[in-house]
Amino acid sequence: MRKQRMETFTFSLIGGRGMEHEHSNWYVVQTGTGDETKIYKISRSEFGAIYLPLKEVLQKRFGGFVKKQWPLFPGYLFVKGDIHRFLDTIRHGDLDVSVKPLGALGRPKPVKSEEMELIFKLAENGVVGISKGSMGKDGKMHILDGPMKGMEGEIQFIDKRRKKAKVQFDLFERKIDVTLALEIV
């Protein structure tokens, strides 16, 4: 059986209800890596405000590179609204997955609105695209186009051969490393 492509999640990530501009009342739910897509597919009809941001990656295949889409934060989903109802529905449903809200002392804590704004800005239409950059005469990477433009100071590591850059963000009250695609031109 052939695996379903991630692109089917791309355009209805926020439920199409104009919530792209509302950055408050979002919660992060942690689950097993790979389970985030199962939960998203099943529960998005019941909870229209579930967000699974994706990233485009370049994978080396047969001597060339192929574009694929993978979750930006593997093992995590963003849920807007009544987090307790969402958790109860998942825990008592037919899915055999574990879910845990991020928070303190067992209490779900909402994601800061400026953090959600950054995620929505990076993941335009729900997908973080591929950035393009070049090495300057000063030996530093200069991002010419794409979601990493203007974030050069946040880049921790560049793998030219695999066309990847590790970027560090302040999210969820900690530093998070995310690997994003980077084409060197």
Protein backbone atom coordinates (compact mmCIF):
# COMPACT_ATOMS: atom_id res chain seq x y z
CA MET A 1 0.00 0.00 0.00
CA ARG A 2 1.33 3.40 -0.95
CA LYS A 3 1.73 6.07 1.74
CA GLN A 4 -0.54 9.08 1.51
CA ARG A 5 1.36 12.26 0.68
CA MET A 6 1.60 15.01 3.27
CA GLU A 7 0.50 17.63 0.74
CA THR A 8 -3.14 16.75 1.39
CA PHE A 9 -2.83 18.63 4.70
CA THR A 10 -1.42 21.82 3.26
CA PHE A 11 -4.35 24.15 2.67
CA SER A 12 -6.95 23.30 5.31
CA LEU A 13 -4.63 23.43 8.28
CA ILE A 14 -6.49 26.12 10.14
CA GLY A 15 -9.96 25.00 9.21
CA GLY A 16 -10.48 27.79 6.68
CA ARG A 17 -12.34 29.95 9.18
CA GLY A 18 -10.14 33.04 8.94
CA MET A 19 -8.17 32.22 12.09
CA GLU A 20 -4.83 32.92 10.46
CA HIS A 21 -4.90 36.39 12.04
CA GLU A 22 -5.99 35.29 15.51
CA HIS A 23 -2.85 34.39 17.41
CA SER A 24 -4.29 33.89 20.91
CA ASN A 25 -5.76 30.82 22.66
CA TRP A 26 -3.48 28.34 20.89
CA TYR A 27 -2.13 25.37 22.82
CA VAL A 28 0.58 22.84 21.96
CA VAL A 29 -0.18 19.14 22.29
CA GLN A 30 2.66 16.64 22.36
CA THR A 31 2.16 13.18 20.91
CA GLY A 32 4.30 10.42 19.47
CA THR A 33 6.22 11.32 16.33
CA GLY A 34 4.04 10.33 13.38
CA ASP A 35 0.86 10.36 15.47
CA GLU A 36 0.36 14.09 14.88
CA THR A 37 -0.82 13.42 11.32
CA LYS A 38 -3.25 10.68 12.45
CA ILE A 39 -4.76 12.95 15.08
CA TYR A 40 -4.91 15.86 12.66
CA LYS A 41 -6.67 13.88 9.93
CA ILE A 42 -9.31 12.44 12.26
CA SER A 43 -10.01 15.40 14.51
CA ARG A 44 -9.86 18.37 12.11
CA SER A 45 -13.50 17.88 11.14
CA GLU A 46 -14.61 18.05 14.78
CA PHE A 47 -12.13 20.74 15.87
CA GLY A 48 -11.70 23.10 12.93
CA ALA A 49 -8.80 24.91 14.59
CA ILE A 50 -6.02 22.34 14.53
CA TYR A 51 -2.77 23.43 13.01
CA LEU A 52 -0.03 21.14 11.75
CA PRO A 53 2.63 23.34 10.16
CA LEU A 54 4.74 21.58 7.55
CA LYS A 55 8.16 22.22 6.06
CA GLU A 56 9.48 21.51 2.61
CA VAL A 57 12.64 19.46 2.63
CA LEU A 58 15.03 18.46 -0.11
CA GLN A 59 15.85 14.75 0.03
CA LYS A 60 18.61 13.25 -2.02
CA ARG A 61 17.19 10.53 -4.27
CA PHE A 62 18.90 8.81 -7.20
CA GLY A 63 21.57 11.48 -7.59
CA GLY A 64 19.19 14.43 -7.42
CA PHE A 65 17.02 16.23 -4.89
CA VAL A 66 13.29 15.69 -4.44
CA LYS A 67 10.94 18.04 -2.56
CA LYS A 68 8.97 16.46 0.29
CA GLN A 69 6.83 17.83 3.09
CA TRP A 70 7.21 16.86 6.74
CA PRO A 71 5.86 18.29 10.01
CA LEU A 72 7.77 21.38 11.15
CA PHE A 73 7.61 20.19 14.76
CA PRO A 74 7.43 16.36 14.70
CA GLY A 75 5.30 15.05 17.54
CA TYR A 76 3.46 18.34 18.13
CA LEU A 77 0.08 19.79 17.13
CA PHE A 78 -1.39 23.23 17.74
CA VAL A 79 -4.99 23.36 18.98
CA LYS A 80 -7.08 26.52 19.30
CA GLY A 81 -9.87 26.84 21.81
CA ASP A 82 -11.13 24.29 24.32
CA ILE A 83 -8.02 22.20 24.94
CA HIS A 84 -9.69 20.05 27.62
CA ARG A 85 -12.47 18.98 25.25
CA PHE A 86 -9.89 18.16 22.60
CA LEU A 87 -7.79 16.06 25.00
CA ASP A 88 -10.83 14.19 26.35
CA THR A 89 -12.03 13.41 22.82
CA ILE A 90 -8.64 12.06 21.75
CA ARG A 91 -8.05 10.09 24.94
CA HIS A 92 -11.49 8.46 24.84
CA GLY A 93 -11.61 7.97 21.07
CA ASP A 94 -10.67 5.07 18.82
CA LEU A 95 -7.08 6.24 18.26
CA ASP A 96 -4.38 4.43 20.17
CA VAL A 97 -2.18 7.48 20.76
CA SER A 98 -1.00 9.40 23.78
CA VAL A 99 -1.44 13.15 24.00
CA LYS A 100 -0.09 15.60 26.52
CA PRO A 101 -0.52 19.37 26.56
CA LEU A 102 2.56 21.51 27.07
CA GLY A 103 2.31 23.56 30.22
CA ALA A 104 3.34 23.77 33.82
CA LEU A 105 2.30 21.50 36.68
CA GLY A 106 0.00 19.49 34.44
CA ARG A 107 -2.00 22.53 33.38
CA PRO A 108 -2.10 23.47 29.69
CA LYS A 109 -0.47 26.82 29.00
CA PRO A 110 -1.40 28.87 25.92
CA VAL A 111 1.29 29.69 23.39
CA LYS A 112 2.25 33.36 23.38
CA SER A 113 0.56 35.25 20.55
CA GLU A 114 3.91 36.57 19.20
CA GLU A 115 5.18 32.97 18.96
CA MET A 116 2.13 31.91 16.96
CA GLU A 117 2.55 34.99 14.78
CA LEU A 118 6.14 33.89 14.00
CA ILE A 119 4.99 30.35 13.15
CA PHE A 120 2.20 31.63 10.88
CA LYS A 121 4.65 34.02 9.21
CA LEU A 122 7.21 31.27 8.60
CA ALA A 123 4.65 28.71 7.45
CA GLU A 124 2.89 30.68 4.77
CA ASN A 125 -0.20 28.68 3.71
CA GLY A 126 0.78 26.11 6.35
CA VAL A 127 4.14 25.22 4.76
CA VAL A 128 7.63 26.60 5.44
CA GLY A 129 9.13 26.83 1.98
CA ILE A 130 12.71 26.50 0.82
CA SER A 131 15.02 29.47 1.38
CA LYS A 132 17.75 30.51 -1.04
CA GLY A 133 21.09 31.83 0.06
CA SER A 134 24.64 32.48 -1.05
CA MET A 135 28.00 32.70 0.64
CA GLY A 136 29.21 36.27 0.84
CA LYS A 137 32.79 37.48 0.49
CA ASP A 138 32.84 37.77 4.27
CA GLY A 139 32.37 33.98 4.52
CA LYS A 140 28.87 34.29 5.96
CA MET A 141 25.64 32.94 4.53
CA HIS A 142 23.32 35.62 3.16
CA ILE A 143 19.69 34.57 2.76
CA LEU A 144 18.37 36.03 -0.49
CA ASP A 145 14.80 34.71 -0.49
CA GLY A 146 12.39 32.54 1.49
CA PRO A 147 11.21 32.19 5.07
CA MET A 148 14.73 32.46 6.60
CA LYS A 149 15.35 35.89 5.02
CA GLY A 150 16.27 38.28 7.80
CA MET A 151 16.99 35.45 10.24
CA GLU A 152 20.69 35.00 9.48
CA GLY A 153 21.55 35.57 13.14
CA GLU A 154 19.37 32.61 14.15
CA ILE A 155 21.11 30.11 11.84
CA GLN A 156 23.20 27.73 13.94
CA PHE A 157 24.57 25.37 11.29
CA ILE A 158 24.53 25.00 7.50
CA ASP A 159 24.95 21.67 5.73
CA LYS A 160 25.73 22.64 2.12
CA ARG A 161 25.84 19.06 0.85
CA ARG A 162 22.39 18.16 2.21
CA LYS A 163 20.94 21.64 1.57
CA LYS A 164 19.84 22.19 5.17
CA ALA A 165 20.19 24.86 7.81
CA LYS A 166 19.56 24.49 11.52
CA VAL A 167 17.71 27.52 12.87
CA GLN A 168 17.12 28.29 16.54
CA PHE A 169 13.85 29.81 17.74
CA ASP A 170 12.63 30.95 21.14
CA LEU A 171 9.34 29.07 21.36
CA PHE A 172 7.35 27.56 24.23
CA GLU A 173 9.70 29.29 26.71
CA ARG A 174 12.74 27.36 25.49
CA LYS A 175 15.13 27.34 22.58
CA ILE A 176 14.00 25.02 19.77
CA ASP A 177 16.26 23.89 16.92
CA VAL A 178 14.47 23.36 13.61
CA THR A 179 16.09 22.08 10.43
CA LEU A 180 14.90 23.89 7.28
CA ALA A 181 15.73 23.50 3.60
CA LEU A 182 18.29 25.90 2.12
CA GLU A 183 19.32 26.03 -1.51
CA ILE A 184 22.75 27.52 -2.09
CA VAL A 185 22.78 29.65 -5.24
